Amino acid sequence: MSTPLLDRTAQTAVPVLGVLAKRWSPRAYDSVTPIDEAKLAAALEAARWSPSASNTQPWRFVVARRGTELHARIVAALLGFNREWAGNAAVLIAAFAEQSDAEGNTRPWAQYDLGQAVAHLSVQAHSDGLFVHQMGGVERDQLAALPGVEERFAPVSVIALGELGDPSTLSEKLQQRESAPRTRRAVAETVIASA
């Protein structure tokens, strides 16, 4: 399916890398085209090489391709309107933070490092022409019950990944969100102190 790309380039206050300015989180995913396995591998490799405190790498992912039972289980764990659109994504990735290691030592930085890994995954995927949308509206207990998930892995979010789809397939409310102007607060409102 060939979908015309919407120009969603951020109007930044100062120049940033093009891949960052053009990265956005769609809800319209191509529900037919399977994932390009090389691009998926590159996105996961980018996550693997993201920085972490003491190189603990406290992120874990459950990767589910559309059409599998695992994909359906992750869709079932989504809350609210996320269920309406996210199941069309070629891949859903459940993201977990390793809150403690195998010996029981806590890792209070785990969610921060998971966020860095997902950011790297997101930028790599977008650079390769894929789109990523992160969702926090999930039933964490259902994610914790996915295969291979140990108790020390805290479910954090689900990531939709795939090719851009046709926004006209979305509900009217979601179409409006898809085309709404991109906004961010000013840097001055984000930096609370600077010397």
N, C-alpha and C. Protein backbone atom coordinates (compact mmCIF):
# COMPACT_ATOMS: atom_id res chain seq x y z
N MET A 1 0.85 -1.18 0.00
CA MET A 1 0.00 0.00 0.00
C MET A 1 0.89 1.23 0.00
N SER A 2 0.65 2.13 -0.88
CA SER A 2 1.43 3.36 -0.94
C SER A 2 0.60 4.51 -0.39
N THR A 3 1.05 5.06 0.73
CA THR A 3 0.35 6.15 1.38
C THR A 3 1.18 7.41 1.25
N PRO A 4 0.59 8.52 0.79
CA PRO A 4 1.37 9.74 0.70
C PRO A 4 1.78 10.20 2.09
N LEU A 5 3.03 10.59 2.23
CA LEU A 5 3.54 11.05 3.52
C LEU A 5 3.00 12.43 3.84
N LEU A 6 2.48 12.56 5.05
CA LEU A 6 2.09 13.87 5.54
C LEU A 6 3.35 14.60 5.95
N ASP A 7 3.43 15.90 5.70
CA ASP A 7 4.59 16.65 6.18
C ASP A 7 4.31 17.05 7.62
N ARG A 8 4.93 16.33 8.55
CA ARG A 8 4.74 16.57 9.98
C ARG A 8 6.02 17.10 10.60
N THR A 9 6.89 17.71 9.79
CA THR A 9 8.16 18.21 10.27
C THR A 9 7.95 19.25 11.36
N ALA A 10 8.62 19.08 12.47
CA ALA A 10 8.52 20.01 13.59
C ALA A 10 9.13 21.36 13.20
N GLN A 11 8.47 22.41 13.62
CA GLN A 11 8.99 23.77 13.42
C GLN A 11 9.82 24.13 14.65
N THR A 12 11.09 23.74 14.63
CA THR A 12 11.95 23.90 15.79
C THR A 12 12.46 25.34 15.92
N ALA A 13 12.76 25.72 17.16
CA ALA A 13 13.27 27.07 17.43
C ALA A 13 14.70 27.24 16.92
N VAL A 14 15.46 26.16 16.92
CA VAL A 14 16.82 26.14 16.37
C VAL A 14 16.95 24.85 15.56
N PRO A 15 17.87 24.79 14.62
CA PRO A 15 17.99 23.58 13.80
C PRO A 15 18.36 22.35 14.64
N VAL A 16 17.73 21.23 14.31
CA VAL A 16 18.07 19.93 14.89
C VAL A 16 18.26 18.95 13.74
N LEU A 17 18.75 17.77 14.04
CA LEU A 17 18.91 16.75 13.00
C LEU A 17 17.59 16.52 12.29
N GLY A 18 17.65 16.38 10.98
CA GLY A 18 16.44 16.19 10.18
C GLY A 18 15.60 15.02 10.64
N VAL A 19 16.23 13.90 10.99
CA VAL A 19 15.47 12.71 11.41
C VAL A 19 14.69 13.00 12.69
N LEU A 20 15.21 13.87 13.54
CA LEU A 20 14.50 14.22 14.77
C LEU A 20 13.34 15.17 14.47
N ALA A 21 13.56 16.14 13.59
CA ALA A 21 12.50 17.09 13.26
C ALA A 21 11.35 16.40 12.52
N LYS A 22 11.66 15.38 11.75
CA LYS A 22 10.63 14.71 10.94
C LYS A 22 9.96 13.54 11.66
N ARG A 23 10.52 13.10 12.79
CA ARG A 23 9.95 11.98 13.53
C ARG A 23 8.63 12.40 14.18
N TRP A 24 7.60 11.59 13.98
CA TRP A 24 6.33 11.82 14.65
C TRP A 24 5.66 10.48 14.91
N SER A 25 4.59 10.50 15.67
CA SER A 25 3.94 9.27 16.12
C SER A 25 2.55 9.13 15.52
N PRO A 26 2.44 8.45 14.38
CA PRO A 26 1.13 8.31 13.73
C PRO A 26 0.27 7.25 14.42
N ARG A 27 -0.99 7.27 14.06
CA ARG A 27 -1.92 6.22 14.50
C ARG A 27 -2.41 5.40 13.31
N ALA A 28 -2.19 5.90 12.11
CA ALA A 28 -2.61 5.18 10.91
C ALA A 28 -1.45 4.32 10.42
N TYR A 29 -1.62 3.01 10.56
CA TYR A 29 -0.60 2.06 10.12
C TYR A 29 -1.12 1.22 8.98
N ASP A 30 -0.25 0.88 8.05
CA ASP A 30 -0.55 -0.03 6.95
C ASP A 30 -0.83 -1.39 7.57
N SER A 31 -2.04 -1.90 7.35
CA SER A 31 -2.46 -3.15 7.98
C SER A 31 -2.18 -4.38 7.12
N VAL A 32 -1.48 -4.19 6.00
CA VAL A 32 -1.24 -5.29 5.07
C VAL A 32 0.24 -5.64 4.96
N THR A 33 1.07 -4.64 4.75
CA THR A 33 2.49 -4.87 4.50
C THR A 33 3.18 -5.46 5.73
N PRO A 34 3.86 -6.59 5.58
CA PRO A 34 4.60 -7.16 6.72
C PRO A 34 5.82 -6.30 7.04
N ILE A 35 6.33 -6.48 8.22
CA ILE A 35 7.50 -5.71 8.64
C ILE A 35 8.71 -6.10 7.79
N ASP A 36 9.52 -5.12 7.45
CA ASP A 36 10.81 -5.36 6.81
C ASP A 36 11.73 -5.84 7.93
N GLU A 37 12.08 -7.10 7.90
CA GLU A 37 12.84 -7.71 8.99
C GLU A 37 14.21 -7.05 9.19
N ALA A 38 14.84 -6.59 8.12
CA ALA A 38 16.15 -5.93 8.26
C ALA A 38 15.99 -4.60 9.00
N LYS A 39 14.91 -3.88 8.71
CA LYS A 39 14.67 -2.60 9.39
C LYS A 39 14.31 -2.82 10.86
N LEU A 40 13.53 -3.86 11.13
CA LEU A 40 13.21 -4.19 12.52
C LEU A 40 14.49 -4.55 13.27
N ALA A 41 15.34 -5.36 12.64
CA ALA A 41 16.61 -5.75 13.27
C ALA A 41 17.47 -4.52 13.56
N ALA A 42 17.50 -3.56 12.63
CA ALA A 42 18.29 -2.35 12.83
C ALA A 42 17.74 -1.52 14.00
N ALA A 43 16.42 -1.44 14.11
CA ALA A 43 15.82 -0.69 15.21
C ALA A 43 16.16 -1.33 16.56
N LEU A 44 16.08 -2.65 16.62
CA LEU A 44 16.42 -3.35 17.86
C LEU A 44 17.92 -3.25 18.16
N GLU A 45 18.74 -3.24 17.12
CA GLU A 45 20.19 -3.08 17.30
C GLU A 45 20.51 -1.69 17.83
N ALA A 46 19.80 -0.66 17.34
CA ALA A 46 19.99 0.70 17.85
C ALA A 46 19.64 0.76 19.33
N ALA A 47 18.56 0.09 19.72
CA ALA A 47 18.19 0.04 21.14
C ALA A 47 19.28 -0.66 21.95
N ARG A 48 19.81 -1.73 21.39
CA ARG A 48 20.86 -2.49 22.09
C ARG A 48 22.07 -1.63 22.41
N TRP A 49 22.40 -0.70 21.52
CA TRP A 49 23.60 0.11 21.68
C TRP A 49 23.34 1.45 22.36
N SER A 50 22.16 1.65 22.91
CA SER A 50 21.91 2.90 23.63
C SER A 50 22.65 2.87 24.97
N PRO A 51 22.93 4.04 25.53
CA PRO A 51 23.67 4.08 26.80
C PRO A 51 22.81 3.63 27.97
N SER A 52 23.48 3.13 29.01
CA SER A 52 22.78 2.77 30.25
C SER A 52 23.75 2.92 31.42
N ALA A 53 23.20 3.15 32.60
CA ALA A 53 24.00 3.31 33.81
C ALA A 53 24.80 2.03 34.06
N SER A 54 26.09 2.17 34.22
CA SER A 54 27.00 1.04 34.46
C SER A 54 26.86 -0.07 33.43
N ASN A 55 26.39 0.28 32.25
CA ASN A 55 26.18 -0.68 31.16
C ASN A 55 25.30 -1.86 31.58
N THR A 56 24.31 -1.58 32.43
CA THR A 56 23.43 -2.65 32.91
C THR A 56 22.39 -3.06 31.88
N GLN A 57 22.11 -2.20 30.91
CA GLN A 57 21.17 -2.52 29.83
C GLN A 57 19.85 -3.09 30.39
N PRO A 58 19.15 -2.31 31.23
CA PRO A 58 17.98 -2.85 31.92
C PRO A 58 16.68 -2.80 31.12
N TRP A 59 16.77 -2.97 29.82
CA TRP A 59 15.56 -2.99 28.99
C TRP A 59 15.36 -4.39 28.45
N ARG A 60 14.09 -4.75 28.30
CA ARG A 60 13.73 -6.01 27.68
C ARG A 60 12.53 -5.74 26.78
N PHE A 61 12.42 -6.49 25.69
CA PHE A 61 11.33 -6.30 24.74
C PHE A 61 10.69 -7.64 24.40
N VAL A 62 9.38 -7.62 24.26
CA VAL A 62 8.64 -8.73 23.66
C VAL A 62 8.18 -8.21 22.31
N VAL A 63 8.68 -8.83 21.24
CA VAL A 63 8.42 -8.37 19.87
C VAL A 63 7.39 -9.29 19.22
N ALA A 64 6.25 -8.69 18.81
CA ALA A 64 5.15 -9.49 18.27
C ALA A 64 4.75 -8.99 16.89
N ARG A 65 4.83 -9.88 15.90
CA ARG A 65 4.44 -9.53 14.54
C ARG A 65 2.94 -9.72 14.35
N ARG A 66 2.34 -8.82 13.55
CA ARG A 66 0.90 -8.87 13.26
C ARG A 66 0.53 -10.27 12.74
N GLY A 67 -0.62 -10.76 13.18
CA GLY A 67 -1.09 -12.07 12.74
C GLY A 67 -0.72 -13.19 13.68
N THR A 68 0.09 -12.92 14.69
CA THR A 68 0.48 -13.95 15.65
C THR A 68 -0.38 -13.85 16.90
N GLU A 69 -0.41 -14.94 17.67
CA GLU A 69 -1.13 -14.94 18.94
C GLU A 69 -0.52 -13.93 19.90
N LEU A 70 0.80 -13.79 19.87
CA LEU A 70 1.48 -12.84 20.74
C LEU A 70 1.04 -11.40 20.43
N HIS A 71 0.92 -11.07 19.17
CA HIS A 71 0.45 -9.75 18.76
C HIS A 71 -0.96 -9.52 19.30
N ALA A 72 -1.83 -10.51 19.15
CA ALA A 72 -3.21 -10.40 19.65
C ALA A 72 -3.24 -10.20 21.16
N ARG A 73 -2.36 -10.86 21.88
CA ARG A 73 -2.31 -10.70 23.35
C ARG A 73 -1.89 -9.29 23.73
N ILE A 74 -0.97 -8.72 22.98
CA ILE A 74 -0.56 -7.35 23.28
C ILE A 74 -1.68 -6.37 22.94
N VAL A 75 -2.36 -6.58 21.81
CA VAL A 75 -3.51 -5.73 21.46
C VAL A 75 -4.54 -5.79 22.59
N ALA A 76 -4.79 -6.97 23.12
CA ALA A 76 -5.78 -7.13 24.20
C ALA A 76 -5.37 -6.39 25.47
N ALA A 77 -4.09 -6.13 25.64
CA ALA A 77 -3.60 -5.41 26.82
C ALA A 77 -3.69 -3.90 26.66
N LEU A 78 -4.01 -3.41 25.46
CA LEU A 78 -4.09 -1.96 25.23
C LEU A 78 -5.37 -1.40 25.83
N LEU A 79 -5.30 -0.17 26.29
CA LEU A 79 -6.45 0.51 26.88
C LEU A 79 -7.02 1.55 25.93
N GLY A 80 -8.30 1.84 26.11
CA GLY A 80 -8.95 2.95 25.42
C GLY A 80 -8.85 2.87 23.92
N PHE A 81 -8.69 4.05 23.31
CA PHE A 81 -8.70 4.11 21.85
C PHE A 81 -7.44 3.53 21.22
N ASN A 82 -6.42 3.19 22.03
CA ASN A 82 -5.22 2.54 21.46
C ASN A 82 -5.60 1.23 20.76
N ARG A 83 -6.59 0.54 21.29
CA ARG A 83 -7.03 -0.71 20.66
C ARG A 83 -7.62 -0.48 19.28
N GLU A 84 -8.15 0.72 19.06
CA GLU A 84 -8.81 1.03 17.79
C GLU A 84 -7.84 1.03 16.62
N TRP A 85 -6.60 1.41 16.85
CA TRP A 85 -5.67 1.61 15.74
C TRP A 85 -4.40 0.77 15.82
N ALA A 86 -3.91 0.50 17.02
CA ALA A 86 -2.56 -0.08 17.16
C ALA A 86 -2.43 -1.49 16.60
N GLY A 87 -3.51 -2.24 16.57
CA GLY A 87 -3.44 -3.60 16.04
C GLY A 87 -3.10 -3.67 14.57
N ASN A 88 -3.24 -2.55 13.85
CA ASN A 88 -2.87 -2.52 12.44
C ASN A 88 -1.36 -2.48 12.22
N ALA A 89 -0.60 -2.07 13.24
CA ALA A 89 0.85 -1.98 13.10
C ALA A 89 1.44 -3.36 12.83
N ALA A 90 2.44 -3.40 11.98
CA ALA A 90 3.07 -4.67 11.63
C ALA A 90 3.69 -5.35 12.84
N VAL A 91 4.15 -4.54 13.80
CA VAL A 91 4.81 -5.07 14.99
C VAL A 91 4.34 -4.29 16.20
N LEU A 92 4.09 -5.00 17.28
CA LEU A 92 3.89 -4.37 18.59
C LEU A 92 5.01 -4.88 19.49
N ILE A 93 5.61 -3.94 20.21
CA ILE A 93 6.72 -4.28 21.10
C ILE A 93 6.33 -3.88 22.52
N ALA A 94 6.26 -4.85 23.42
CA ALA A 94 6.03 -4.56 24.83
C ALA A 94 7.40 -4.27 25.44
N ALA A 95 7.49 -3.13 26.14
CA ALA A 95 8.77 -2.68 26.69
C ALA A 95 8.77 -2.82 28.22
N PHE A 96 9.86 -3.38 28.73
CA PHE A 96 9.99 -3.67 30.15
C PHE A 96 11.28 -3.08 30.70
N ALA A 97 11.22 -2.65 31.96
CA ALA A 97 12.41 -2.17 32.67
C ALA A 97 12.80 -3.20 33.72
N GLU A 98 14.06 -3.61 33.70
CA GLU A 98 14.56 -4.57 34.68
C GLU A 98 14.82 -3.82 35.98
N GLN A 99 13.85 -3.90 36.90
CA GLN A 99 13.90 -3.12 38.14
C GLN A 99 14.96 -3.62 39.12
N SER A 100 15.33 -4.89 39.00
CA SER A 100 16.39 -5.45 39.84
C SER A 100 17.09 -6.53 39.04
N ASP A 101 18.34 -6.79 39.39
CA ASP A 101 19.07 -7.83 38.67
C ASP A 101 18.75 -9.21 39.25
N ALA A 102 19.36 -10.24 38.71
CA ALA A 102 19.07 -11.61 39.13
C ALA A 102 19.41 -11.85 40.60
N GLU A 103 20.30 -11.03 41.17
CA GLU A 103 20.68 -11.18 42.58
C GLU A 103 19.79 -10.33 43.50
N GLY A 104 18.85 -9.57 42.93
CA GLY A 104 17.94 -8.76 43.73
C GLY A 104 18.39 -7.33 43.97
N ASN A 105 19.50 -6.92 43.37
CA ASN A 105 19.96 -5.53 43.51
C ASN A 105 19.07 -4.62 42.69
N THR A 106 18.54 -3.56 43.31
CA THR A 106 17.61 -2.69 42.61
C THR A 106 18.33 -1.81 41.60
N ARG A 107 17.58 -1.44 40.57
CA ARG A 107 18.07 -0.56 39.51
C ARG A 107 17.10 0.61 39.36
N PRO A 108 17.26 1.65 40.19
CA PRO A 108 16.30 2.76 40.15
C PRO A 108 16.33 3.56 38.85
N TRP A 109 17.34 3.37 38.04
CA TRP A 109 17.47 4.09 36.77
C TRP A 109 16.89 3.30 35.58
N ALA A 110 16.32 2.15 35.85
CA ALA A 110 15.92 1.24 34.78
C ALA A 110 14.94 1.86 33.80
N GLN A 111 13.92 2.56 34.30
CA GLN A 111 12.95 3.15 33.37
C GLN A 111 13.58 4.26 32.54
N TYR A 112 14.49 5.02 33.13
CA TYR A 112 15.18 6.06 32.37
C TYR A 112 15.96 5.42 31.22
N ASP A 113 16.71 4.37 31.53
CA ASP A 113 17.52 3.71 30.50
C ASP A 113 16.64 3.04 29.45
N LEU A 114 15.50 2.47 29.86
CA LEU A 114 14.56 1.93 28.89
C LEU A 114 14.11 3.02 27.93
N GLY A 115 13.82 4.20 28.48
CA GLY A 115 13.42 5.33 27.63
C GLY A 115 14.48 5.69 26.61
N GLN A 116 15.75 5.64 27.02
CA GLN A 116 16.82 5.92 26.07
C GLN A 116 16.86 4.85 24.97
N ALA A 117 16.68 3.60 25.36
CA ALA A 117 16.72 2.52 24.37
C ALA A 117 15.57 2.67 23.36
N VAL A 118 14.38 3.02 23.87
CA VAL A 118 13.24 3.20 22.97
C VAL A 118 13.45 4.42 22.07
N ALA A 119 14.07 5.47 22.60
CA ALA A 119 14.37 6.64 21.77
C ALA A 119 15.31 6.26 20.64
N HIS A 120 16.34 5.49 20.94
CA HIS A 120 17.26 5.05 19.89
C HIS A 120 16.53 4.19 18.85
N LEU A 121 15.71 3.27 19.33
CA LEU A 121 14.91 2.43 18.43
C LEU A 121 14.04 3.30 17.53
N SER A 122 13.39 4.28 18.12
CA SER A 122 12.48 5.16 17.39
C SER A 122 13.18 5.95 16.30
N VAL A 123 14.32 6.53 16.63
CA VAL A 123 15.05 7.34 15.65
C VAL A 123 15.59 6.46 14.52
N GLN A 124 16.11 5.29 14.85
CA GLN A 124 16.61 4.37 13.82
C GLN A 124 15.47 3.94 12.89
N ALA A 125 14.34 3.58 13.49
CA ALA A 125 13.20 3.15 12.69
C ALA A 125 12.75 4.26 11.76
N HIS A 126 12.65 5.49 12.28
CA HIS A 126 12.21 6.59 11.44
C HIS A 126 13.22 6.88 10.33
N SER A 127 14.49 6.78 10.65
CA SER A 127 15.54 6.98 9.65
C SER A 127 15.40 5.97 8.51
N ASP A 128 14.90 4.77 8.84
CA ASP A 128 14.72 3.70 7.84
C ASP A 128 13.34 3.71 7.19
N GLY A 129 12.53 4.75 7.48
CA GLY A 129 11.23 4.86 6.83
C GLY A 129 10.08 4.19 7.56
N LEU A 130 10.33 3.68 8.76
CA LEU A 130 9.27 3.10 9.58
C LEU A 130 8.75 4.16 10.54
N PHE A 131 7.61 3.87 11.17
CA PHE A 131 7.02 4.81 12.12
C PHE A 131 6.78 4.11 13.44
N VAL A 132 6.94 4.87 14.51
CA VAL A 132 6.82 4.35 15.87
C VAL A 132 5.84 5.21 16.64
N HIS A 133 5.00 4.57 17.44
CA HIS A 133 4.10 5.29 18.34
C HIS A 133 4.13 4.56 19.67
N GLN A 134 4.52 5.27 20.73
CA GLN A 134 4.59 4.67 22.07
C GLN A 134 3.27 4.89 22.80
N MET A 135 2.88 3.90 23.60
CA MET A 135 1.63 3.98 24.35
C MET A 135 1.85 3.58 25.80
N GLY A 136 1.39 4.42 26.70
CA GLY A 136 1.43 4.10 28.12
C GLY A 136 0.12 3.53 28.61
N GLY A 137 -0.94 3.68 27.80
CA GLY A 137 -2.26 3.18 28.19
C GLY A 137 -2.35 1.69 27.94
N VAL A 138 -1.86 0.91 28.90
CA VAL A 138 -1.82 -0.55 28.78
C VAL A 138 -2.18 -1.20 30.11
N GLU A 139 -2.67 -2.42 30.03
CA GLU A 139 -2.90 -3.24 31.22
C GLU A 139 -1.58 -3.92 31.56
N ARG A 140 -0.89 -3.39 32.53
CA ARG A 140 0.45 -3.89 32.85
C ARG A 140 0.44 -5.35 33.32
N ASP A 141 -0.61 -5.75 34.03
CA ASP A 141 -0.68 -7.15 34.48
C ASP A 141 -0.71 -8.11 33.29
N GLN A 142 -1.41 -7.72 32.22
CA GLN A 142 -1.47 -8.58 31.03
C GLN A 142 -0.11 -8.65 30.34
N LEU A 143 0.60 -7.53 30.32
CA LEU A 143 1.95 -7.54 29.72
C LEU A 143 2.89 -8.39 30.56
N ALA A 144 2.76 -8.31 31.87
CA ALA A 144 3.63 -9.09 32.77
C ALA A 144 3.43 -10.59 32.57
N ALA A 145 2.26 -10.99 32.05
CA ALA A 145 1.96 -12.41 31.84
C ALA A 145 2.42 -12.93 30.48
N LEU A 146 3.05 -12.09 29.68
CA LEU A 146 3.53 -12.53 28.37
C LEU A 146 4.67 -13.53 28.53
N PRO A 147 4.88 -14.40 27.54
CA PRO A 147 5.92 -15.43 27.63
C PRO A 147 7.31 -14.84 27.88
N GLY A 148 8.04 -15.47 28.79
CA GLY A 148 9.42 -15.09 29.05
C GLY A 148 9.61 -13.90 29.97
N VAL A 149 8.53 -13.29 30.43
CA VAL A 149 8.66 -12.11 31.27
C VAL A 149 8.81 -12.54 32.73
N GLU A 150 9.98 -12.24 33.30
CA GLU A 150 10.24 -12.56 34.70
C GLU A 150 9.69 -11.46 35.59
N GLU A 151 9.48 -11.79 36.86
CA GLU A 151 8.87 -10.86 37.81
C GLU A 151 9.69 -9.57 37.96
N ARG A 152 10.98 -9.64 37.78
CA ARG A 152 11.82 -8.44 37.95
C ARG A 152 11.71 -7.46 36.78
N PHE A 153 11.02 -7.86 35.70
CA PHE A 153 10.82 -6.98 34.55
C PHE A 153 9.49 -6.26 34.68
N ALA A 154 9.54 -4.95 34.91
CA ALA A 154 8.32 -4.15 35.07
C ALA A 154 7.81 -3.70 33.71
N PRO A 155 6.55 -4.02 33.38
CA PRO A 155 6.00 -3.55 32.11
C PRO A 155 5.82 -2.04 32.15
N VAL A 156 6.23 -1.36 31.07
CA VAL A 156 6.19 0.10 31.04
C VAL A 156 5.28 0.61 29.92
N SER A 157 5.47 0.09 28.71
CA SER A 157 4.73 0.65 27.57
C SER A 157 4.66 -0.37 26.43
N VAL A 158 3.91 0.03 25.40
CA VAL A 158 3.85 -0.75 24.16
C VAL A 158 4.20 0.19 23.02
N ILE A 159 4.95 -0.31 22.07
CA ILE A 159 5.40 0.46 20.92
C ILE A 159 4.78 -0.14 19.66
N ALA A 160 4.07 0.68 18.89
CA ALA A 160 3.58 0.25 17.58
C ALA A 160 4.66 0.63 16.56
N LEU A 161 4.96 -0.27 15.64
CA LEU A 161 6.01 -0.03 14.66
C LEU A 161 5.57 -0.59 13.31
N GLY A 162 5.75 0.18 12.26
CA GLY A 162 5.41 -0.31 10.94
C GLY A 162 5.39 0.80 9.90
N GLU A 163 4.79 0.47 8.76
CA GLU A 163 4.67 1.42 7.66
C GLU A 163 3.48 2.34 7.91
N LEU A 164 3.57 3.56 7.43
CA LEU A 164 2.49 4.52 7.56
C LEU A 164 1.28 4.05 6.75
N GLY A 165 0.09 4.20 7.33
CA GLY A 165 -1.14 3.82 6.66
C GLY A 165 -1.94 5.04 6.24
N ASP A 166 -3.13 4.79 5.76
CA ASP A 166 -4.02 5.84 5.28
C ASP A 166 -4.83 6.40 6.45
N PRO A 167 -4.66 7.69 6.78
CA PRO A 167 -5.38 8.28 7.91
C PRO A 167 -6.90 8.23 7.75
N SER A 168 -7.40 8.13 6.51
CA SER A 168 -8.85 8.11 6.31
C SER A 168 -9.48 6.83 6.84
N THR A 169 -8.68 5.83 7.18
CA THR A 169 -9.21 4.60 7.75
C THR A 169 -9.49 4.75 9.25
N LEU A 170 -9.04 5.84 9.84
CA LEU A 170 -9.24 6.08 11.27
C LEU A 170 -10.60 6.72 11.53
N SER A 171 -11.04 6.65 12.76
CA SER A 171 -12.26 7.35 13.16
C SER A 171 -12.03 8.85 12.98
N GLU A 172 -13.12 9.60 12.94
CA GLU A 172 -13.00 11.05 12.74
C GLU A 172 -12.16 11.70 13.84
N LYS A 173 -12.37 11.26 15.07
CA LYS A 173 -11.60 11.82 16.20
C LYS A 173 -10.10 11.57 16.01
N LEU A 174 -9.74 10.35 15.62
CA LEU A 174 -8.32 10.03 15.43
C LEU A 174 -7.75 10.71 14.18
N GLN A 175 -8.57 10.90 13.15
CA GLN A 175 -8.11 11.65 11.98
C GLN A 175 -7.74 13.08 12.38
N GLN A 176 -8.52 13.67 13.26
CA GLN A 176 -8.22 15.02 13.73
C GLN A 176 -6.90 15.05 14.49
N ARG A 177 -6.68 14.06 15.33
CA ARG A 177 -5.40 13.99 16.06
C ARG A 177 -4.23 13.80 15.10
N GLU A 178 -4.46 13.01 14.08
CA GLU A 178 -3.40 12.70 13.11
C GLU A 178 -2.93 13.95 12.38
N SER A 179 -3.84 14.88 12.13
CA SER A 179 -3.48 16.06 11.35
C SER A 179 -3.36 17.33 12.19
N ALA A 180 -3.53 17.21 13.50
CA ALA A 180 -3.43 18.39 14.38
C ALA A 180 -2.00 18.94 14.35
N PRO A 181 -1.86 20.24 14.52
CA PRO A 181 -0.51 20.83 14.53
C PRO A 181 0.35 20.21 15.64
N ARG A 182 1.60 20.02 15.34
CA ARG A 182 2.55 19.52 16.34
C ARG A 182 2.98 20.69 17.21
N THR A 183 2.91 20.51 18.51
CA THR A 183 3.29 21.59 19.42
C THR A 183 4.17 21.04 20.54
N ARG A 184 5.00 21.90 21.07
CA ARG A 184 5.80 21.63 22.26
C ARG A 184 5.91 22.93 23.03
N ARG A 185 6.07 22.82 24.35
CA ARG A 185 6.31 24.03 25.13
C ARG A 185 7.70 24.55 24.81
N ALA A 186 7.93 25.81 25.09
CA ALA A 186 9.21 26.45 24.81
C ALA A 186 10.32 25.85 25.69
N VAL A 187 11.55 25.86 25.19
CA VAL A 187 12.68 25.38 25.97
C VAL A 187 12.76 26.11 27.31
N ALA A 188 12.48 27.40 27.32
CA ALA A 188 12.54 28.19 28.56
C ALA A 188 11.58 27.66 29.62
N GLU A 189 10.51 27.00 29.20
CA GLU A 189 9.57 26.41 30.15
C GLU A 189 10.00 25.02 30.60
N THR A 190 10.96 24.45 29.92
CA THR A 190 11.46 23.13 30.24
C THR A 190 12.70 23.20 31.13
N VAL A 191 13.60 24.12 30.83
CA VAL A 191 14.84 24.27 31.60
C VAL A 191 14.50 25.10 32.83
N ILE A 192 14.53 24.50 34.01
CA ILE A 192 14.13 25.23 35.22
C ILE A 192 15.28 26.02 35.84
N ALA A 193 16.51 25.71 35.44
CA ALA A 193 17.66 26.49 35.91
C ALA A 193 18.78 26.33 34.88
N SER A 194 19.53 27.41 34.66
CA SER A 194 20.65 27.37 33.74
C SER A 194 21.63 28.45 34.16
N ALA A 195 22.91 28.09 34.26
CA ALA A 195 23.91 29.07 34.68
C ALA A 195 25.06 29.08 33.67
